[in-house]
């Protein structure tokens, strides 16, 4: 009898419409176990509820009830269902639902919502706008849940775990997510730091195997995604009627969406619910609490909110030889003042074919051959610019193709401002369209791979800082693994310095423990990585390149923290030996541009 008494104290029994209406007057969060009289409440979850009640100790704002669907009109759509259903009522509004005895998900939702209530009470945050779930008869023609019109602006953060990345399952997960109508607004492939793992999974910190989990999550690359509900209709392959009981989702068939002014649309599951239905939730963890999502967006994608308000585009820009030789710095200042960011640049002498392609608008002019000769005899400066409506705005700034027309009708254009007396044409070039810009950028700035090694003596703290520097420098970590380098591997990596006095000591040091071996991808990656590392001797690096990685994290010429391939041939050869043949999939950009 004592056990029964404790159970009643934990969960209030609701078995009539009047008690249901009274329950909706509760302040704070009420967790409702909806049950059928013939099968009873879900006993398996009561241990979790008791634990939450004791640990959170929030009697005023946390309540647990059991509600008998048979005798409550508001819950008639749940009748004759055998699967457990848990509703979450916040200050009288049903805001969420979990189908099945999913203890981790229920635990996470309760903790997040209670934390929000505390912050709201303390004046630390404004109450988020939640969608209210309204349950009606599933057979009614216009049964449903009215979806908030701003639903597409709500985001989730998803982390695809390292084991899914290694097994190549990440691409499948992302394809499933987008096919279901969700939109991946931003993504990044990176190794999470220990601090980031502990922060994201703070609700699991009291689990006995949490430290092992932290080690696992920091052992390799994860995908971090910002996902929105999007505006697409639910795919046809997910019917809303005649589903078998074991196929019922959290919102089928009892919850459907009313028609809106945009037309009939079905309310999709949350991302978490969708992953569970697809049986892939074990590979991907989701944060849907609005406060936490905003926090993690700021951590992983600090420019995301700013960029979402803009239509950022990359475009190719070119400063022709005469202007490049005379007023290049003035043009670069204009580019900066106009709000463009220069992502990449290089000074090159164009081939005749390249010059003709970039000057094709002048091919009918008498001086076309003279233009081509000028373009192929002296260097031009080629740049990749990033800006709001970058393609069209850069073309607008450039003005007409001909100086005479520009001076007469567009005197403020760059064509008029940077005109050269001996040349009748615009001294600047810009891509005509997004499609052209993509092709031209790919042509002039093709991605390159290089090998990078973080040596065994580098601490975990320094490894995390080095990986952040790699990310900040615009490299993509295409492949990565932690391994003890055998003597044969080490000899291949360091074959260029064989015969040096410290060679044998270096081979011995590199085999003392596991190294982090990576493939870094970026335009001009070999040179850029060697520049970022700095001189081989950390002492020299601290004098000549104090911001370099070896200057910051190396101790001496033997323990200089990092290694990089000397040239492209060595990089390709060593990568093939350590990682096998290249992955046929194209590297995905570490960006949300």
Protein backbone atom coordinates (compact mmCIF):
# COMPACT_ATOMS: atom_id res chain seq x y z
CA UNK A 1 0.00 0.00 0.00
CA UNK A 2 2.88 2.33 0.72
CA UNK A 3 4.04 2.02 -2.88
CA UNK A 4 0.60 2.93 -4.19
CA UNK A 5 0.50 6.02 -2.00
CA UNK A 6 3.79 7.29 -3.34
CA UNK A 7 2.59 6.75 -6.89
CA UNK A 8 -0.55 8.83 -6.33
CA UNK A 9 1.51 11.61 -4.77
CA UNK A 10 3.79 11.64 -7.76
CA UNK A 11 1.09 11.77 -10.48
CA UNK A 12 -2.32 13.35 -10.09
CA UNK A 13 -5.13 11.28 -11.63
CA UNK A 14 -7.24 13.06 -14.27
CA UNK A 15 -10.28 11.04 -15.37
CA UNK A 16 -12.88 13.61 -16.42
CA UNK A 17 -13.14 16.68 -18.65
CA UNK A 18 -13.67 18.95 -15.65
CA UNK A 19 -10.46 17.69 -13.98
CA UNK A 20 -8.64 18.12 -17.32
CA UNK A 21 -9.81 21.74 -17.56
CA UNK A 22 -8.75 22.30 -13.97
CA UNK A 23 -5.35 20.77 -14.66
CA UNK A 24 -4.79 23.28 -17.49
CA UNK A 25 -4.82 26.03 -14.85
CA UNK A 26 -1.49 24.71 -13.48
CA UNK A 27 1.36 27.19 -13.54
CA UNK A 28 4.59 25.95 -15.03
CA UNK A 29 5.14 22.57 -16.68
CA UNK A 30 2.78 19.60 -16.45
CA UNK A 31 3.88 16.25 -17.87
CA UNK A 32 0.81 14.20 -18.84
CA UNK A 33 0.84 10.43 -19.28
CA UNK A 34 -2.17 9.79 -21.55
CA UNK A 35 -3.47 6.24 -21.06
CA UNK A 36 -6.40 3.99 -21.95
CA UNK A 37 -8.44 2.44 -19.13
CA UNK A 38 -7.82 -1.07 -20.43
CA UNK A 39 -4.01 -0.81 -20.34
CA UNK A 40 -3.31 1.77 -17.61
CA UNK A 41 -0.52 4.39 -17.24
CA UNK A 42 3.06 3.76 -18.32
CA UNK A 43 4.77 2.20 -15.27
CA UNK A 44 8.18 2.21 -16.97
CA UNK A 45 8.41 6.02 -16.88
CA UNK A 46 7.48 6.54 -13.24
CA UNK A 47 11.04 5.98 -12.00
CA UNK A 48 12.22 8.80 -14.29
CA UNK A 49 9.41 11.10 -13.16
CA UNK A 50 10.23 10.45 -9.50
CA UNK A 51 13.90 11.17 -10.18
CA UNK A 52 13.08 14.44 -11.95
CA UNK A 53 10.72 15.49 -9.18
CA UNK A 54 13.35 14.85 -6.50
CA UNK A 55 16.33 16.31 -8.34
CA UNK A 56 14.67 19.42 -9.77
CA UNK A 57 12.65 20.02 -6.59
CA UNK A 58 10.32 22.44 -8.34
CA UNK A 59 6.96 21.65 -6.75
CA UNK A 60 5.47 24.98 -7.81
CA UNK A 61 6.26 24.69 -11.53
CA UNK A 62 6.68 20.95 -12.23
CA UNK A 63 3.68 18.64 -12.11
CA UNK A 64 3.04 15.06 -13.23
CA UNK A 65 -0.41 13.68 -14.04
CA UNK A 66 -1.98 10.59 -15.59
CA UNK A 67 -4.97 11.28 -17.86
CA UNK A 68 -7.50 8.62 -18.85
CA UNK A 69 -8.33 9.30 -22.52
CA UNK A 70 -11.59 7.26 -22.38
CA UNK A 71 -13.38 9.81 -20.16
CA UNK A 72 -11.83 13.10 -21.41
CA UNK A 73 -13.37 14.71 -24.49
CA UNK A 74 -10.19 16.68 -25.29
CA UNK A 75 -8.25 13.40 -25.59
CA UNK A 76 -10.70 11.45 -27.72
CA UNK A 77 -8.20 11.23 -30.60
CA UNK A 78 -5.96 9.10 -28.34
CA UNK A 79 -8.58 6.47 -27.59
CA UNK A 80 -7.97 2.87 -28.61
CA UNK A 81 -4.22 3.45 -28.98
CA UNK A 82 -1.91 1.09 -27.11
CA UNK A 83 1.36 3.06 -27.43
CA UNK A 84 2.24 5.39 -24.53
CA UNK A 85 1.82 9.11 -25.21
CA UNK A 86 3.25 11.96 -23.12
CA UNK A 87 2.00 15.53 -23.48
CA UNK A 88 3.74 18.62 -22.16
CA UNK A 89 1.51 21.44 -20.94
CA UNK A 90 3.16 24.79 -20.26
CA UNK A 91 0.92 27.21 -18.36
CA UNK A 92 -2.18 25.51 -19.78
CA UNK A 93 -0.98 25.21 -23.38
CA UNK A 94 -0.06 21.81 -24.86
CA UNK A 95 3.24 22.54 -26.60
CA UNK A 96 4.84 19.14 -27.23
CA UNK A 97 4.20 15.43 -27.49
CA UNK A 98 6.34 12.29 -27.29
CA UNK A 99 5.06 8.92 -28.44
CA UNK A 100 6.56 5.84 -26.81
CA UNK A 101 8.44 5.39 -23.53
CA UNK A 102 11.43 7.44 -24.74
CA UNK A 103 12.98 8.26 -21.37
CA UNK A 104 16.03 10.22 -22.67
CA UNK A 105 13.87 12.50 -24.83
CA UNK A 106 11.31 13.10 -22.07
CA UNK A 107 14.11 13.75 -19.57
CA UNK A 108 15.72 16.27 -21.92
CA UNK A 109 12.45 18.10 -22.62
CA UNK A 110 11.56 18.41 -18.93
CA UNK A 111 14.98 19.69 -17.89
CA UNK A 112 15.13 22.24 -20.73
CA UNK A 113 11.62 23.56 -20.12
CA UNK A 114 12.16 23.89 -16.35
CA UNK A 115 15.45 25.71 -16.91
CA UNK A 116 13.61 28.12 -19.21
CA UNK A 117 10.89 28.72 -16.61
CA UNK A 118 13.53 29.56 -14.01
CA UNK A 119 15.23 32.06 -16.32
CA UNK A 120 11.91 33.64 -17.26
CA UNK A 121 10.99 34.01 -13.58
CA UNK A 122 14.39 35.60 -12.89
CA UNK A 123 13.96 38.03 -15.78
CA UNK A 124 16.90 36.53 -17.67
CA UNK A 125 14.95 35.72 -20.83
CA UNK A 126 11.69 36.40 -22.65
CA UNK A 127 9.20 33.57 -22.90
CA UNK A 128 9.56 31.78 -26.28
CA UNK A 129 6.55 31.50 -28.58
CA UNK A 130 5.51 27.83 -28.73
CA UNK A 131 3.08 26.17 -31.13
CA UNK A 132 -0.03 24.95 -29.32
CA UNK A 133 -1.14 21.41 -30.13
CA UNK A 134 -4.93 21.23 -30.34
CA UNK A 135 -6.33 17.67 -30.32
CA UNK A 136 -9.66 16.88 -31.96
CA UNK A 137 -11.37 13.82 -33.39
CA UNK A 138 -9.06 12.19 -35.92
CA UNK A 139 -12.04 11.44 -38.17
CA UNK A 140 -13.14 15.05 -38.38
CA UNK A 141 -12.65 16.58 -41.80
CA UNK A 142 -10.73 19.56 -40.58
CA UNK A 143 -9.07 17.96 -37.61
CA UNK A 144 -5.78 19.40 -36.71
CA UNK A 145 -3.23 21.51 -35.06
CA UNK A 146 -2.86 25.10 -36.10
CA UNK A 147 0.74 25.69 -37.01
CA UNK A 148 2.34 28.98 -36.05
CA UNK A 149 2.94 31.03 -39.18
CA UNK A 150 6.55 31.62 -38.15
CA UNK A 151 7.35 27.91 -37.82
CA UNK A 152 9.80 28.02 -40.70
CA UNK A 153 11.91 30.50 -38.73
CA UNK A 154 12.44 28.06 -35.84
CA UNK A 155 15.67 26.10 -35.88
CA UNK A 156 17.09 22.93 -34.40
CA UNK A 157 20.74 22.05 -33.89
CA UNK A 158 21.69 18.51 -34.93
CA UNK A 159 25.01 16.76 -34.35
CA UNK A 160 25.82 13.74 -36.51
CA UNK A 161 28.22 11.67 -34.42
CA UNK A 162 31.77 10.61 -35.38
CA UNK A 163 30.86 6.95 -35.97
CA UNK A 164 28.26 8.00 -38.55
CA UNK A 165 30.79 10.24 -40.27
CA UNK A 166 33.41 7.47 -40.39
CA UNK A 167 30.91 4.92 -41.74
CA UNK A 168 29.77 7.37 -44.45
CA UNK A 169 26.24 7.39 -42.99
CA UNK A 170 26.23 11.17 -42.55
CA UNK A 171 25.36 11.81 -46.20
CA UNK A 172 22.42 9.39 -45.98
CA UNK A 173 21.14 11.12 -42.82
CA UNK A 174 21.33 14.55 -44.43
CA UNK A 175 19.56 13.31 -47.56
CA UNK A 176 16.77 11.79 -45.45
CA UNK A 177 16.37 15.02 -43.51
CA UNK A 178 16.04 17.14 -46.65
CA UNK A 179 13.75 14.65 -48.39
CA UNK A 180 11.41 14.89 -45.41
CA UNK A 181 11.04 18.61 -46.11
CA UNK A 182 13.45 19.98 -43.52
CA UNK A 183 15.99 22.57 -44.66
CA UNK A 184 19.67 22.41 -43.66
CA UNK A 185 20.36 26.12 -43.24
CA UNK A 186 24.01 25.72 -42.20
CA UNK A 187 26.47 22.92 -41.66
CA UNK A 188 30.00 22.43 -40.47
CA UNK A 189 32.21 19.36 -40.28
CA UNK A 190 34.59 19.57 -37.35
CA UNK A 191 35.99 17.87 -34.27
CA UNK A 192 34.05 19.01 -31.22
CA UNK A 193 36.04 20.27 -28.27
CA UNK A 194 35.58 18.71 -24.85
CA UNK A 195 33.98 21.94 -23.63
CA UNK A 196 31.47 21.93 -26.51
CA UNK A 197 30.51 18.29 -25.86
CA UNK A 198 30.01 18.90 -22.14
CA UNK A 199 27.90 21.96 -22.88
CA UNK A 200 25.71 20.37 -25.56
CA UNK A 201 25.19 17.16 -23.56
CA UNK A 202 25.01 18.75 -20.10
CA UNK A 203 21.76 16.88 -19.35
CA UNK A 204 23.71 13.60 -19.51
CA UNK A 205 26.52 14.69 -17.19
CA UNK A 206 25.31 12.53 -14.29
CA UNK A 207 25.33 9.34 -16.38
CA UNK A 208 28.00 6.84 -15.25
CA UNK A 209 29.55 6.51 -18.73
CA UNK A 210 29.52 10.23 -19.54
CA UNK A 211 33.33 10.58 -19.55
CA UNK A 212 33.61 7.74 -22.07
CA UNK A 213 30.95 9.46 -24.16
CA UNK A 214 32.91 12.74 -24.10
CA UNK A 215 36.02 10.87 -25.29
CA UNK A 216 34.00 9.28 -28.10
CA UNK A 217 32.48 12.58 -29.25
CA UNK A 218 35.91 14.26 -29.37
CA UNK A 219 37.62 11.33 -31.12
CA UNK A 220 36.70 12.32 -34.66
CA UNK A 221 34.76 14.69 -36.86
CA UNK A 222 31.07 15.37 -36.39
CA UNK A 223 28.62 17.25 -38.60
CA UNK A 224 26.90 20.19 -36.91
CA UNK A 225 23.69 21.22 -38.69
CA UNK A 226 21.26 24.11 -38.30
CA UNK A 227 17.91 22.73 -39.47
CA UNK A 228 14.61 24.53 -40.05
CA UNK A 229 11.14 23.14 -40.71
CA UNK A 230 11.11 24.76 -44.12
CA UNK A 231 7.98 25.46 -46.14
CA UNK A 232 7.72 22.24 -48.15
CA UNK A 233 4.70 19.98 -48.03
CA UNK A 234 5.10 16.63 -46.36
CA UNK A 235 6.31 14.01 -48.89
CA UNK A 236 3.65 11.70 -50.30
CA UNK A 237 5.48 8.62 -49.09
CA UNK A 238 4.40 9.48 -45.53
CA UNK A 239 0.58 9.00 -45.71
CA UNK A 240 -1.63 10.42 -43.03
CA UNK A 241 -4.32 7.73 -43.09
CA UNK A 242 -4.70 3.98 -42.83
CA UNK A 243 -1.38 3.53 -41.00
CA UNK A 244 -0.87 0.38 -39.03
CA UNK A 245 -0.62 0.88 -35.24
CA UNK A 246 3.11 0.14 -35.13
CA UNK A 247 3.72 2.71 -37.87
CA UNK A 248 1.88 5.57 -36.20
CA UNK A 249 4.00 8.66 -35.74
CA UNK A 250 3.69 11.27 -33.05
CA UNK A 251 1.17 13.23 -35.09
CA UNK A 252 -0.62 10.52 -37.05
CA UNK A 253 -3.52 10.01 -37.25
CA UNK A 254 -4.66 11.83 -34.14
CA UNK A 255 -3.05 15.17 -34.96
CA UNK A 256 -3.28 16.81 -38.37
CA UNK A 257 -2.88 20.36 -39.58
CA UNK A 258 -5.65 22.74 -40.44
CA UNK A 259 -5.73 24.52 -43.77
CA UNK A 260 -3.95 27.85 -43.83
CA UNK A 261 -4.12 30.63 -46.36
CA UNK A 262 -1.22 28.99 -48.16
CA UNK A 263 -3.20 25.78 -48.67
CA UNK A 264 -3.54 22.42 -46.99
CA UNK A 265 -0.28 21.29 -45.37
CA UNK A 266 0.46 18.57 -42.91
CA UNK A 267 2.36 19.41 -39.72
CA UNK A 268 5.67 17.64 -39.88
CA UNK A 269 7.18 15.97 -36.89
CA UNK A 270 9.97 17.70 -35.06
CA UNK A 271 13.41 16.74 -36.31
CA UNK A 272 13.94 14.52 -33.25
CA UNK A 273 10.69 12.69 -33.85
CA UNK A 274 11.46 12.22 -37.53
CA UNK A 275 14.90 10.71 -36.80
CA UNK A 276 13.33 8.32 -34.32
CA UNK A 277 10.74 7.18 -36.85
CA UNK A 278 13.51 6.55 -39.37
CA UNK A 279 15.49 4.58 -36.76
CA UNK A 280 18.58 6.80 -37.18
CA UNK A 281 18.34 8.86 -33.99
CA UNK A 282 21.21 6.87 -32.46
CA UNK A 283 23.55 8.48 -35.01
CA UNK A 284 22.31 12.04 -34.61
CA UNK A 285 21.47 14.12 -31.51
CA UNK A 286 19.11 17.08 -31.69
CA UNK A 287 18.63 20.21 -29.58
CA UNK A 288 15.24 21.86 -30.09
CA UNK A 289 14.97 24.10 -27.04
CA UNK A 290 14.85 27.65 -28.45
CA UNK A 291 17.19 29.15 -25.86
CA UNK A 292 19.79 26.42 -26.24
CA UNK A 293 19.52 26.44 -30.03
CA UNK A 294 20.27 30.16 -30.12
CA UNK A 295 23.23 29.64 -27.81
CA UNK A 296 24.72 26.84 -29.92
CA UNK A 297 24.16 28.74 -33.17
CA UNK A 298 26.27 31.54 -31.70
CA UNK A 299 28.94 29.00 -30.69
CA UNK A 300 29.15 27.00 -33.93
CA UNK A 301 27.98 29.57 -36.49
CA UNK A 302 28.70 33.05 -35.07
CA UNK A 303 27.87 34.80 -38.36
CA UNK A 304 24.72 32.79 -39.08
CA UNK A 305 22.09 35.26 -37.86
CA UNK A 306 23.75 38.15 -39.65
CA UNK A 307 24.11 36.17 -42.86
CA UNK A 308 20.50 34.93 -42.76
CA UNK A 309 19.37 38.54 -43.02
CA UNK A 310 21.52 38.97 -46.13
CA UNK A 311 21.68 37.28 -49.52
CA UNK A 312 25.38 36.51 -49.45
CA UNK A 313 26.96 35.54 -52.75
CA UNK A 314 30.47 34.84 -53.98
CA UNK A 315 31.63 36.42 -57.21
CA UNK A 316 34.84 36.55 -59.18
CA UNK A 317 36.48 39.94 -59.65
CA UNK A 318 39.50 40.80 -61.78
CA UNK A 319 41.68 43.91 -61.89
CA UNK A 320 43.23 44.19 -65.35
CA UNK A 321 47.03 44.57 -65.74
CA UNK A 322 47.29 48.36 -66.25
CA UNK A 323 45.09 49.18 -63.26
CA UNK A 324 46.71 46.42 -61.20
CA UNK A 325 50.10 48.01 -61.84
CA UNK A 326 48.97 51.54 -60.98
CA UNK A 327 45.99 51.80 -58.59
CA UNK A 328 45.46 48.31 -57.17
CA UNK A 329 45.45 49.47 -53.53
CA UNK A 330 42.80 52.11 -54.25
CA UNK A 331 40.54 49.48 -55.80
CA UNK A 332 41.04 47.14 -52.82
CA UNK A 333 40.04 49.96 -50.47
CA UNK A 334 36.83 50.55 -52.45
CA UNK A 335 36.05 46.82 -52.25
CA UNK A 336 36.49 46.92 -48.47
CA UNK A 337 34.51 50.15 -48.07
CA UNK A 338 31.61 48.66 -50.04
CA UNK A 339 31.33 45.83 -47.50
CA UNK A 340 32.81 43.00 -49.57
CA UNK A 341 35.05 40.42 -47.98
CA UNK A 342 38.01 39.17 -50.01
CA UNK A 343 38.03 35.40 -49.53
CA UNK A 344 40.90 34.56 -51.90
CA UNK A 345 43.21 36.40 -54.26
CA UNK A 346 46.11 35.70 -56.56
CA UNK A 347 48.13 37.63 -59.11
CA UNK A 348 48.47 35.75 -62.41
CA UNK A 349 49.29 36.28 -66.06
CA UNK A 350 46.35 34.97 -68.07
CA UNK A 351 46.74 32.58 -70.97
CA UNK A 352 45.35 33.68 -74.34
CA UNK A 353 42.36 31.36 -73.95
CA UNK A 354 41.61 32.71 -70.44
CA UNK A 355 41.93 36.31 -71.62
CA UNK A 356 39.56 35.74 -74.56
CA UNK A 357 36.99 34.14 -72.27
CA UNK A 358 37.06 37.04 -69.79
CA UNK A 359 37.06 39.69 -72.57
CA UNK A 360 34.51 38.14 -74.92
CA UNK A 361 32.23 41.22 -74.73
CA UNK A 362 34.92 43.12 -76.70
CA UNK A 363 35.63 40.52 -79.38
CA UNK A 364 33.89 42.52 -82.13
CA UNK A 365 35.90 45.65 -81.39
CA UNK A 366 38.87 46.64 -83.57
CA UNK A 367 41.19 46.74 -80.55
CA UNK A 368 40.29 43.23 -79.30
CA UNK A 369 43.69 41.78 -80.19
CA UNK A 370 45.41 44.66 -78.40
CA UNK A 371 43.33 43.93 -75.27
CA UNK A 372 44.28 40.24 -75.38
CA UNK A 373 47.95 41.13 -75.82
CA UNK A 374 47.81 43.41 -72.79
CA UNK A 375 45.98 40.83 -70.68
CA UNK A 376 48.50 38.09 -71.49
CA UNK A 377 51.72 40.08 -71.10
CA UNK A 378 51.28 41.44 -67.60
CA UNK A 379 49.75 40.10 -64.38
CA UNK A 380 46.13 40.67 -63.37
CA UNK A 381 44.78 40.37 -59.83
CA UNK A 382 42.00 37.80 -59.50
CA UNK A 383 39.81 37.86 -56.38
CA UNK A 384 36.88 36.02 -54.85
CA UNK A 385 34.53 38.51 -53.22
CA UNK A 386 31.75 37.76 -50.76
CA UNK A 387 28.94 40.24 -50.22
CA UNK A 388 25.22 40.84 -49.95
CA UNK A 389 23.82 40.15 -53.46
CA UNK A 390 27.49 39.99 -54.39
CA UNK A 391 27.17 39.16 -58.10
CA UNK A 392 24.70 41.87 -59.08
CA UNK A 393 26.05 44.51 -56.69
CA UNK A 394 29.64 44.12 -57.92
CA UNK A 395 28.44 44.40 -61.53
CA UNK A 396 26.44 47.49 -60.58
CA UNK A 397 29.50 49.08 -58.98
CA UNK A 398 31.59 48.31 -62.07
CA UNK A 399 29.25 50.15 -64.42
CA UNK A 400 29.31 49.89 -68.25
CA UNK A 401 31.88 47.98 -70.27
CA UNK A 402 33.10 51.14 -72.03
CA UNK A 403 34.68 54.20 -70.44
CA UNK A 404 32.99 56.73 -72.72
CA UNK A 405 29.53 55.51 -71.80
CA UNK A 406 30.43 55.28 -68.11
CA UNK A 407 31.76 58.87 -67.91
CA UNK A 408 28.67 60.21 -69.67
CA UNK A 409 25.93 58.33 -67.84
CA UNK A 410 27.51 56.67 -64.75
CA UNK A 411 30.30 58.98 -63.53
CA UNK A 412 30.30 57.35 -60.06
CA UNK A 413 30.92 53.85 -61.44
CA UNK A 414 34.28 52.15 -61.00
CA UNK A 415 34.65 52.07 -64.78
CA UNK A 416 34.64 55.89 -64.86
CA UNK A 417 36.62 56.38 -61.63
CA UNK A 418 39.47 54.02 -62.61
CA UNK A 419 39.57 54.65 -66.35
CA UNK A 420 42.99 54.46 -68.04
CA UNK A 421 43.66 57.03 -70.76
CA UNK A 422 45.10 54.53 -73.19
CA UNK A 423 42.26 52.02 -72.81
CA UNK A 424 38.58 52.49 -73.76
CA UNK A 425 37.34 49.51 -71.71
CA UNK A 426 36.44 48.92 -68.07
CA UNK A 427 39.58 48.03 -66.14
CA UNK A 428 37.62 45.74 -63.83
CA UNK A 429 35.72 42.52 -64.43
CA UNK A 430 32.93 40.71 -62.59
CA UNK A 431 31.02 37.47 -63.13
CA UNK A 432 27.73 37.85 -65.01
CA UNK A 433 25.72 35.35 -62.96
CA UNK A 434 25.88 33.03 -59.96
CA UNK A 435 26.42 30.06 -62.25
CA UNK A 436 29.28 31.80 -64.06
CA UNK A 437 30.79 32.91 -60.76
CA UNK A 438 30.85 29.32 -59.45
CA UNK A 439 32.57 28.05 -62.59
CA UNK A 440 35.12 30.87 -62.66
CA UNK A 441 35.95 30.55 -58.97
CA UNK A 442 36.39 26.79 -59.35
CA UNK A 443 38.66 27.38 -62.34
CA UNK A 444 40.95 30.02 -60.83
CA UNK A 445 40.89 28.70 -57.26
CA UNK A 446 40.66 24.89 -57.46
CA UNK A 447 40.71 23.11 -54.06
CA UNK A 448 43.92 21.31 -53.11
CA UNK A 449 44.70 18.68 -50.45
CA UNK A 450 47.65 18.60 -48.11
CA UNK A 451 48.76 16.33 -45.28
CA UNK A 452 48.85 17.67 -41.72
CA UNK A 453 50.00 15.89 -38.56
CA UNK A 454 49.55 16.92 -34.93
CA UNK A 455 52.38 15.18 -33.10
CA UNK A 456 52.03 12.90 -30.04
CA UNK A 457 53.43 15.31 -27.44
CA UNK A 458 50.71 17.94 -28.08
CA UNK A 459 48.21 18.12 -25.19
CA UNK A 460 44.46 17.72 -25.72
CA UNK A 461 43.98 21.39 -24.84
CA UNK A 462 46.45 22.45 -27.53
CA UNK A 463 44.94 20.03 -30.05
CA UNK A 464 41.58 21.73 -29.64
CA UNK A 465 43.16 25.16 -30.13
CA UNK A 466 45.07 23.99 -33.21
CA UNK A 467 41.90 22.54 -34.76
CA UNK A 468 40.10 25.82 -34.14
CA UNK A 469 42.93 27.72 -35.85
CA UNK A 470 42.67 25.35 -38.82
CA UNK A 471 38.93 26.01 -39.05
CA UNK A 472 39.37 29.78 -38.66
CA UNK A 473 41.95 29.77 -41.48
CA UNK A 474 39.35 28.40 -43.89
CA UNK A 475 40.66 24.84 -44.20
CA UNK A 476 38.26 21.93 -44.43
CA UNK A 477 39.34 18.84 -42.54
CA UNK A 478 38.38 16.36 -45.27
CA UNK A 479 39.71 13.28 -43.46
CA UNK A 480 41.14 12.72 -40.02
CA UNK A 481 42.15 9.85 -37.78
CA UNK A 482 44.22 9.30 -34.66
CA UNK A 483 46.91 6.66 -35.11
CA UNK A 484 50.35 5.56 -33.98
CA UNK A 485 52.64 6.04 -36.96
CA UNK A 486 54.79 3.00 -37.68
CA UNK A 487 58.45 3.48 -38.58
CA UNK A 488 57.61 2.79 -42.22
CA UNK A 489 54.90 5.49 -42.21
CA UNK A 490 57.16 7.95 -40.39
CA UNK A 491 60.01 7.34 -42.85
CA UNK A 492 57.67 8.10 -45.75
CA UNK A 493 56.45 11.30 -44.10
CA UNK A 494 59.96 12.52 -43.23
CA UNK A 495 61.89 11.16 -46.22
CA UNK A 496 62.94 14.69 -47.22
CA UNK A 497 65.05 15.11 -44.09
CA UNK A 498 66.63 11.68 -44.01
CA UNK A 499 70.29 12.10 -43.09
CA UNK A 500 69.72 15.04 -40.72
CA UNK A 501 71.33 14.73 -37.26
CA UNK A 502 67.97 14.59 -35.51
CA UNK A 503 66.29 12.20 -38.00
CA UNK A 504 66.43 9.05 -35.81
CA UNK A 505 65.34 11.00 -32.72
CA UNK A 506 62.40 12.33 -34.74
CA UNK A 507 61.30 8.84 -35.80
CA UNK A 508 61.49 7.69 -32.18
CA UNK A 509 59.49 10.69 -30.95
CA UNK A 510 56.74 10.33 -33.56
CA UNK A 511 56.11 6.70 -32.52
CA UNK A 512 55.82 7.48 -28.78
CA UNK A 513 52.05 7.81 -28.97
CA UNK A 514 49.12 8.50 -31.28
CA UNK A 515 49.30 11.38 -33.76
CA UNK A 516 46.31 13.16 -35.31
CA UNK A 517 46.68 12.72 -39.07
CA UNK A 518 44.54 14.92 -41.31
CA UNK A 519 43.82 15.79 -44.91
CA UNK A 520 43.29 19.56 -45.15
CA UNK A 521 41.48 20.97 -48.18
CA UNK A 522 41.69 24.52 -49.43
CA UNK A 523 42.88 26.43 -52.46
CA UNK A 524 46.71 26.48 -52.36
CA UNK A 525 46.50 24.22 -49.30
CA UNK A 526 50.13 23.06 -49.24
CA UNK A 527 51.55 26.58 -49.14
CA UNK A 528 48.83 27.95 -46.84
CA UNK A 529 49.31 25.14 -44.30
CA UNK A 530 53.08 25.62 -44.21
CA UNK A 531 52.55 29.34 -43.73
CA UNK A 532 50.11 28.73 -40.89
CA UNK A 533 52.51 26.30 -39.20
CA UNK A 534 55.48 28.70 -39.40
CA UNK A 535 59.22 27.90 -39.37
CA UNK A 536 60.35 24.42 -38.33
CA UNK A 537 62.19 25.65 -35.21
CA UNK A 538 59.70 27.14 -32.71
CA UNK A 539 62.36 29.53 -31.40
CA UNK A 540 62.83 30.89 -34.90
CA UNK A 541 59.07 30.92 -35.41
CA UNK A 542 58.58 33.07 -32.31
CA UNK A 543 60.95 35.64 -33.79
CA UNK A 544 59.85 35.59 -37.43
CA UNK A 545 56.21 34.49 -37.24
CA UNK A 546 54.95 34.89 -33.65
CA UNK A 547 51.32 34.13 -34.59
CA UNK A 548 52.18 30.83 -36.30
CA UNK A 549 51.12 27.51 -34.76
CA UNK A 550 54.65 26.28 -34.10
CA UNK A 551 55.48 29.55 -32.35
CA UNK A 552 52.44 29.13 -30.10
CA UNK A 553 52.44 25.38 -29.46
CA UNK A 554 55.94 24.05 -30.20
CA UNK A 555 58.74 23.69 -27.66
CA UNK A 556 61.82 22.82 -29.74
CA UNK A 557 62.77 21.69 -33.23
CA UNK A 558 61.99 18.06 -32.35
CA UNK A 559 58.74 18.75 -30.50
CA UNK A 560 57.47 21.47 -32.81
CA UNK A 561 53.84 20.29 -32.57
CA UNK A 562 53.04 19.92 -36.29
CA UNK A 563 54.07 18.54 -39.63
CA UNK A 564 52.98 19.38 -43.16
CA UNK A 565 53.80 18.05 -46.60
CA UNK A 566 56.58 19.95 -48.39
CA UNK A 567 54.94 19.90 -51.82
CA UNK A 568 51.85 18.71 -53.65
CA UNK A 569 53.43 15.47 -54.89
CA UNK A 570 54.51 14.48 -51.39
CA UNK A 571 51.08 15.41 -50.02
CA UNK A 572 49.21 13.27 -52.56
CA UNK A 573 51.60 10.33 -52.17
CA UNK A 574 51.46 10.28 -48.35
CA UNK A 575 47.69 10.81 -48.23
CA UNK A 576 47.22 7.82 -50.56
CA UNK A 577 49.40 5.64 -48.30
CA UNK A 578 47.73 6.70 -45.03
CA UNK A 579 44.11 7.05 -46.16
CA UNK A 580 43.87 4.91 -49.29
CA UNK A 581 42.24 6.08 -52.49
CA UNK A 582 40.42 9.45 -52.39
CA UNK A 583 36.75 9.43 -51.41
CA UNK A 584 34.67 9.64 -54.62
CA UNK A 585 32.26 12.05 -52.91
CA UNK A 586 33.10 15.71 -53.38
CA UNK A 587 34.15 17.48 -50.18
CA UNK A 588 31.28 19.47 -48.77
CA UNK A 589 31.83 23.10 -47.91
CA UNK A 590 32.31 24.03 -44.26
CA UNK A 591 30.00 26.88 -44.68
CA UNK A 592 26.47 28.22 -44.86
CA UNK A 593 27.09 30.80 -47.53
